[in-house]
Protein backbone atom coordinates (compact mmCIF):
# COMPACT_ATOMS: atom_id res chain seq x y z
CA MET A 1 106.01 125.80 102.72
CA LYS A 2 108.57 124.01 100.53
CA SER A 3 109.43 121.14 102.88
CA ILE A 4 108.55 119.63 106.22
CA SER A 5 109.62 116.56 108.19
CA LEU A 6 107.35 115.52 111.05
CA PRO A 7 109.07 113.92 114.07
CA ILE A 8 109.14 110.14 113.96
CA ILE A 9 110.88 107.57 116.17
CA GLU A 10 112.83 105.22 113.90
CA ASN A 11 113.31 102.49 116.48
CA PRO A 12 110.22 102.15 118.70
CA PRO A 13 110.08 99.11 121.03
CA ILE A 14 108.08 97.07 118.49
CA ILE A 15 108.96 96.96 114.79
CA SER A 16 108.01 93.35 114.01
CA TYR A 17 105.13 94.59 111.91
CA GLN A 18 105.00 97.95 110.19
CA HIS A 19 101.53 98.59 111.61
CA HIS A 20 102.99 98.59 115.14
CA ALA A 21 106.13 100.48 114.19
CA TYR A 22 104.30 103.28 112.36
CA TYR A 23 101.88 104.17 115.14
CA LEU A 24 104.38 103.64 117.97
CA GLY A 25 106.87 105.75 116.03
CA ILE A 26 104.33 108.58 116.19
CA LEU A 27 103.26 107.96 119.79
CA PHE A 28 106.77 107.86 121.25
CA THR A 29 107.39 111.40 119.96
CA ASN A 30 105.21 112.33 122.96
CA SER A 31 107.38 111.96 126.08
CA ASP A 32 104.36 110.97 128.21
CA TYR A 33 103.21 108.07 126.04
CA HIS A 34 105.52 105.52 127.70
CA HIS A 35 103.27 105.61 130.80
CA GLN A 36 100.37 104.21 128.78
CA PHE A 37 102.57 101.88 126.74
CA TYR A 38 103.59 99.92 129.85
CA SER A 39 99.93 99.14 130.58
CA SER A 40 99.52 97.39 127.22
CA TYR A 41 101.47 95.17 124.77
CA ILE A 42 101.55 92.42 127.40
CA ASN A 43 99.50 89.46 126.16
CA LEU A 44 100.18 87.45 122.98
CA TYR A 45 98.04 85.31 120.72
CA TYR A 46 98.76 82.51 118.26
CA ASN A 47 95.97 82.26 115.71
CA ARG A 48 96.33 79.53 113.08
CA ASN A 49 93.55 81.13 110.99
CA GLU A 50 95.16 84.58 110.57
CA SER A 51 97.80 85.83 108.15
CA ASN A 52 99.60 87.47 111.07
CA GLN A 53 99.44 84.31 113.14
CA PHE A 54 101.55 85.40 116.11
CA ASN A 55 101.10 88.89 117.51
CA PHE A 56 100.32 91.12 120.49
CA VAL A 57 96.76 91.22 121.82
CA LEU A 58 95.36 94.75 121.58
CA GLU A 59 91.98 95.93 122.81
CA LYS A 60 91.42 98.30 119.86
CA TRP A 61 92.90 98.93 116.47
CA TYR A 62 94.89 102.18 116.36
CA ALA A 63 92.23 104.01 114.34
CA GLU A 64 89.78 103.44 117.21
CA GLU A 65 92.03 104.88 119.92
CA SER A 66 90.95 108.18 121.46
CA TYR A 67 94.51 109.53 121.63
CA PHE A 68 94.59 109.84 117.82
CA ILE A 69 92.85 112.31 115.54
CA PHE A 70 92.01 110.66 112.21
CA ASN A 71 90.94 111.95 108.82
CA LYS A 72 90.76 109.98 105.61
CA ILE A 73 90.14 110.38 101.90
CA GLY A 74 89.00 107.82 99.34
CA TYR A 75 90.28 107.69 95.78
CA SER A 76 89.33 105.60 92.78
CA HIS A 77 91.64 104.61 89.93
CA SER A 78 88.80 103.54 87.63
CA LEU A 79 86.77 106.72 88.09
CA ASP A 80 89.80 109.04 88.40
CA LEU A 81 87.89 111.18 90.92
CA ILE A 82 91.00 113.02 92.12
CA PRO A 83 93.76 113.93 89.63
CA LYS A 84 97.18 112.75 90.77
CA ASN A 85 98.63 116.23 91.16
CA GLU A 86 95.68 117.26 93.38
CA LEU A 87 96.13 114.19 95.59
CA VAL A 88 99.81 115.12 96.05
CA ASP A 89 98.70 118.63 97.06
CA ILE A 90 96.22 117.19 99.57
CA ILE A 91 98.93 115.03 101.14
CA ILE A 92 101.26 118.04 101.38
CA LYS A 93 98.53 120.17 102.99
CA MET A 94 97.82 117.49 105.59
CA LEU A 95 101.53 117.11 106.38
CA ASN A 96 101.67 120.88 106.89
CA LEU A 97 98.83 120.48 109.40
CA GLY A 98 100.86 117.91 111.33
CA TYR A 99 99.18 114.75 110.01
CA TYR A 100 101.15 111.61 109.17
CA VAL A 101 99.96 109.86 106.01
CA LEU A 102 99.20 106.12 105.83
CA GLY A 103 97.78 103.79 103.21
CA ASP A 104 98.66 100.97 100.81
CA TYR A 105 100.71 100.93 97.64
CA ASP A 106 102.47 98.51 95.29
CA GLU A 107 106.17 98.27 96.19
CA TYR A 108 106.92 97.10 92.64
CA TYR A 109 107.08 100.82 91.78
CA ILE A 110 109.07 101.97 94.85
CA PRO A 111 112.88 102.21 94.38
CA GLY A 112 114.88 100.89 97.32
CA ARG A 113 112.33 98.20 98.17
CA ARG A 114 113.16 94.52 97.59
CA ALA A 115 110.02 94.14 95.45
CA HIS A 116 110.98 97.02 93.13
CA ASN A 117 110.63 95.95 89.47
CA THR A 118 110.51 92.33 90.69
CA LEU A 119 107.24 91.55 92.44
CA HIS A 120 103.84 93.25 92.67
CA PHE A 121 103.54 93.49 96.44
CA LYS A 122 100.80 95.47 98.17
CA HIS A 123 102.20 96.91 101.38
CA ASP A 124 101.35 99.62 103.87
CA PHE A 125 103.26 102.91 103.82
CA MET A 126 103.80 105.92 106.06
CA ILE A 127 104.79 109.39 104.83
CA HIS A 128 106.16 111.79 107.45
CA GLY A 129 107.51 114.61 105.29
CA TYR A 130 108.13 116.07 101.84
CA CYS A 131 110.37 118.38 99.80
CA LYS A 132 108.62 120.31 97.05
CA GLU A 133 111.84 121.38 95.33
CA ARG A 134 113.02 117.78 94.89
CA GLU A 135 109.42 116.54 94.49
CA GLU A 136 109.96 113.82 97.09
CA PHE A 137 108.07 112.32 100.01
CA ASP A 138 109.82 111.05 103.15
CA LEU A 139 108.92 107.42 103.89
CA ILE A 140 109.62 105.09 106.76
CA GLY A 141 109.31 101.32 106.63
CA TYR A 142 110.99 98.03 105.78
CA THR A 143 113.08 97.93 102.64
CA GLY A 144 112.08 94.30 102.04
CA TYR A 145 108.81 92.41 101.89
CA THR A 146 109.78 89.58 104.26
CA ASN A 147 110.96 91.63 107.27
CA ARG A 148 114.53 90.51 106.56
CA ASP A 149 115.79 93.99 105.70
CA ALA A 150 116.30 97.24 107.55
CA TYR A 151 113.51 99.36 109.00
CA GLY A 152 114.21 103.04 108.47
CA LYS A 153 113.76 106.21 106.46
CA SER A 154 113.88 106.61 102.69
CA LYS A 155 112.68 108.90 99.87
CA VAL A 156 110.24 108.41 97.02
CA SER A 157 109.47 110.78 94.15
CA PHE A 158 105.97 112.16 93.84
CA SER A 159 105.63 110.45 90.45
CA ASN A 160 106.77 107.00 91.66
CA PHE A 161 104.51 107.29 94.70
CA MET A 162 101.45 108.15 92.61
CA THR A 163 102.14 105.27 90.19
CA ALA A 164 102.38 102.87 93.14
CA LEU A 165 99.33 104.32 94.87
CA TYR A 166 96.83 103.77 92.08
CA LEU A 167 96.65 100.01 92.40
CA ASP A 168 93.05 99.33 93.49
CA SER A 169 89.68 100.39 92.12
CA LEU A 170 88.86 101.98 95.49
CA SER A 171 91.36 102.79 98.23
CA TRP A 172 91.81 105.08 101.23
CA ILE A 173 94.53 107.31 102.56
CA ASP A 174 94.50 107.89 106.33
CA PHE A 175 95.78 111.05 108.01
CA VAL A 176 96.65 110.72 111.69
CA LYS A 177 98.14 112.82 114.48
CA ILE A 178 98.20 112.68 118.27
CA ASP A 179 95.48 114.54 120.15
CA ARG A 180 97.69 116.89 122.18
CA ASN A 181 94.92 117.26 124.78
CA TYR A 182 94.98 113.55 125.59
CA ASN A 183 96.41 112.65 129.00
CA PHE A 184 98.58 109.52 128.78
CA LYS A 185 98.71 107.62 132.06
CA PHE A 186 99.81 104.33 133.55
CA ASP A 187 97.08 101.92 134.72
CA ILE A 188 98.41 99.55 137.38
CA GLU A 189 95.20 97.47 137.55
CA GLN A 190 95.17 96.91 133.79
CA THR A 191 98.86 96.01 133.92
CA LYS A 192 98.30 93.40 136.63
CA ASN A 193 95.32 91.93 134.79
CA HIS A 194 97.22 91.68 131.51
CA ILE A 195 100.28 90.08 133.12
CA CYS A 196 97.92 87.59 134.76
CA ASP A 197 96.25 86.91 131.38
CA TYR A 198 99.63 86.29 129.76
CA LEU A 199 100.90 84.14 132.62
CA TYR A 200 97.77 81.97 132.79
CA SER A 201 97.03 81.99 129.03
CA LYS A 202 93.72 83.86 129.18
CA ASN A 203 91.85 85.40 126.26
CA THR A 204 92.10 89.06 127.31
CA TYR A 205 89.44 90.65 125.09
CA HIS A 206 87.60 87.55 123.77
CA GLN A 207 88.32 88.60 120.19
CA TYR A 208 89.08 85.10 118.93
CA GLY A 209 87.69 81.63 119.48
CA ASN A 210 89.71 79.40 121.77
CA ASP A 211 89.26 76.38 119.49
CA TYR A 212 91.78 77.75 116.95
CA CYS A 213 93.58 80.40 118.97
CA SER A 214 95.78 80.25 122.07
CA PHE A 215 97.00 83.03 124.31
CA GLY A 216 99.83 84.03 126.60
CA ILE A 217 102.41 81.43 127.56
CA SER A 218 100.32 78.70 125.89
CA ALA A 219 100.49 80.69 122.65
CA VAL A 220 104.29 80.75 122.91
CA ALA A 221 104.45 76.98 123.53
CA ASP A 222 101.94 76.14 120.78
CA PHE A 223 103.74 78.33 118.26
CA ALA A 224 107.14 76.83 119.13
CA ASN A 225 105.87 73.25 118.86
CA ASP A 226 104.11 73.89 115.55
CA MET A 227 107.15 75.67 114.12
CA ALA A 228 109.36 72.63 114.75
CA SER A 229 107.41 70.74 112.05
CA ASN A 230 106.34 73.66 109.83
CA TYR A 231 109.12 75.68 108.22
CA ASP A 232 106.61 78.35 107.10
CA LEU A 233 106.32 79.42 110.75
CA LEU A 234 110.02 80.26 110.85
CA ASP A 235 109.05 83.85 110.09
CA LEU A 236 111.28 86.64 111.40
CA ARG A 237 108.22 88.68 112.30
CA TYR A 238 107.10 86.01 114.76
CA LEU A 239 110.54 85.45 116.29
CA ARG A 240 111.07 89.21 116.53
CA ILE A 241 107.66 89.57 118.22
CA LEU A 242 108.83 87.05 120.84
CA PHE A 243 112.09 88.93 121.39
CA GLU A 244 110.38 92.33 121.51
CA HIS A 245 107.80 90.98 123.95
CA LYS A 246 110.63 90.09 126.35
CA VAL A 247 112.37 93.46 125.85
CA CYS A 248 109.09 95.30 126.54
CA MET A 249 108.41 93.19 129.63
CA HIS A 250 111.91 93.91 130.91
CA LEU A 251 111.39 97.65 130.37
CA ARG A 252 108.01 97.36 132.11
CA ILE A 253 109.53 95.67 135.15
CA ASN A 254 112.14 98.43 135.29
CA TYR A 255 109.34 101.02 135.15
CA LEU A 256 107.52 99.24 138.00
CA CYS A 257 110.72 99.24 140.06
CA GLU A 258 111.51 102.90 139.38
CA ASN A 259 107.97 103.94 140.36
CA SER A 260 107.97 101.83 143.56
CA TYR A 261 105.33 99.32 142.45
CA ILE A 262 107.99 96.64 142.90
CA ASN A 263 110.50 96.70 145.77
CA ASN A 264 112.45 93.55 144.86
CA LYS A 265 114.89 94.92 142.25
CA SER A 266 116.40 91.46 141.66
CA ILE A 267 113.29 90.61 139.61
CA TYR A 268 114.50 93.02 136.94
CA GLU A 269 117.97 91.44 136.97
CA LYS A 270 116.53 87.91 136.73
CA TYR A 271 114.35 88.79 133.74
CA ALA A 272 117.47 89.92 131.85
CA GLU A 273 118.23 86.20 131.36
CA VAL A 274 114.94 85.76 129.46
CA VAL A 275 115.78 88.72 127.20
CA GLU A 276 119.27 87.37 126.50
CA LYS A 277 117.93 83.91 125.62
CA HIS A 278 115.40 85.35 123.17
CA GLN A 279 118.02 87.58 121.62
CA MET A 280 120.03 84.41 120.98
CA ILE A 281 116.93 82.65 119.63
CA PHE A 282 116.27 85.51 117.22
CA ALA A 283 119.88 85.46 116.00
CA LEU A 284 119.64 81.69 115.49
CA SER A 285 116.41 82.10 113.52
CA ILE A 286 118.14 84.50 111.10
CA LYS A 287 120.88 81.92 110.48
CA SER A 288 118.24 79.19 110.05
CA ILE A 289 116.42 81.15 107.38
CA ILE A 290 119.67 81.65 105.47
CA LYS A 291 120.63 77.96 105.81
CA PRO A 292 117.45 76.02 106.69
CA ASN A 293 117.51 72.54 108.21
CA ALA A 294 115.21 70.47 110.42
CA ASP A 295 117.67 70.40 113.31
CA SER A 296 117.66 74.18 113.59
CA LEU A 297 113.85 74.23 113.92
CA THR A 298 114.01 71.70 116.73
CA LYS A 299 116.78 73.66 118.43
CA ILE A 300 114.82 76.94 118.25
CA ARG A 301 111.74 75.20 119.64
CA ASP A 302 113.69 73.69 122.53
CA TYR A 303 115.27 77.04 123.39
CA ILE A 304 111.87 78.77 123.41
CA ILE A 305 110.28 76.07 125.58
CA SER A 306 113.22 76.21 128.01
CA THR A 307 112.57 79.92 128.70
CA ILE A 308 108.89 79.44 129.57
CA ASP A 309 109.38 78.12 133.12
CA ILE A 310 112.02 80.76 133.87
CA GLU A 311 109.68 83.55 132.74
CA LYS A 312 106.73 81.97 134.54
CA HIS A 313 108.45 82.03 137.94
CA ILE A 314 109.63 85.63 137.49
CA LEU A 315 106.17 86.91 136.48
CA GLU A 316 104.61 85.09 139.44
CA ASP A 317 107.02 87.09 141.62
CA VAL A 318 105.98 90.28 139.80
CA LEU A 319 102.30 89.64 140.53
CA MET A 320 103.10 88.84 144.16
CA GLU A 321 104.94 92.16 144.47
CA LEU A 322 102.06 94.06 142.87
CA GLY A 323 99.58 92.47 145.31
């Protein structure tokens, strides 16, 4: 086979971090996955001790989920265990078997990335196809290293990819595909519990200590208040997470209405205001990064805080409807 391009969704509901976008891009190629999606991605955490300080709470990392089939291979630059041309052949064989390819590389060597020939930047990658005639892999990901650029498809030559790949003494390449026998389903009890956890700021899976980590609506408030005095927290990933959280919740409420879990359709219409406000907040954050000033941080904080009570009342109505 001279070329293949595995299906991939370029714009899944969450693209704030590549690690969400990659796996959701695979999962949403299955038309049934949305049932399971609406039972998760509900709670948030703000962890001052993590590099990704503001993010969704997930029960398991993707590699631990039973709906994926995983394989992996280790390679060593110092020992040169696998010649570069053989590793390319392995990747091609796994793509032919329907596996997406994930790992880390140095974007200094990847044309079309902001770090190319400028900054040694270790970043995660996903390959979803190849063309043997042109000796190219098909990539998807952010073109920049600060989440300020576009997320989408691009190409990389086999030679550039292999130069970028050999950056650690010991690394791994993961191969992943959906288990087609897995039955995706919606879990109403889990959904109610997670909305309750978000609404009342509970630690859903007890993965972090409460002394340095907050959850749910408290996480949103704590993040917003800290950001007003810490410009480093004005990170588009965090503001996009907030916006995507509202978009996903709005879609979830629509799903609950369409499947007769909720009879009061005005709840969906009311939540649209929360989405619109966070869309405005995200747009303001982009402008603030381009032209930073203290007033803009305060304004973003105040806008975020002002949406909390609105969202709180709507989600209380959701829980009342769900019983």
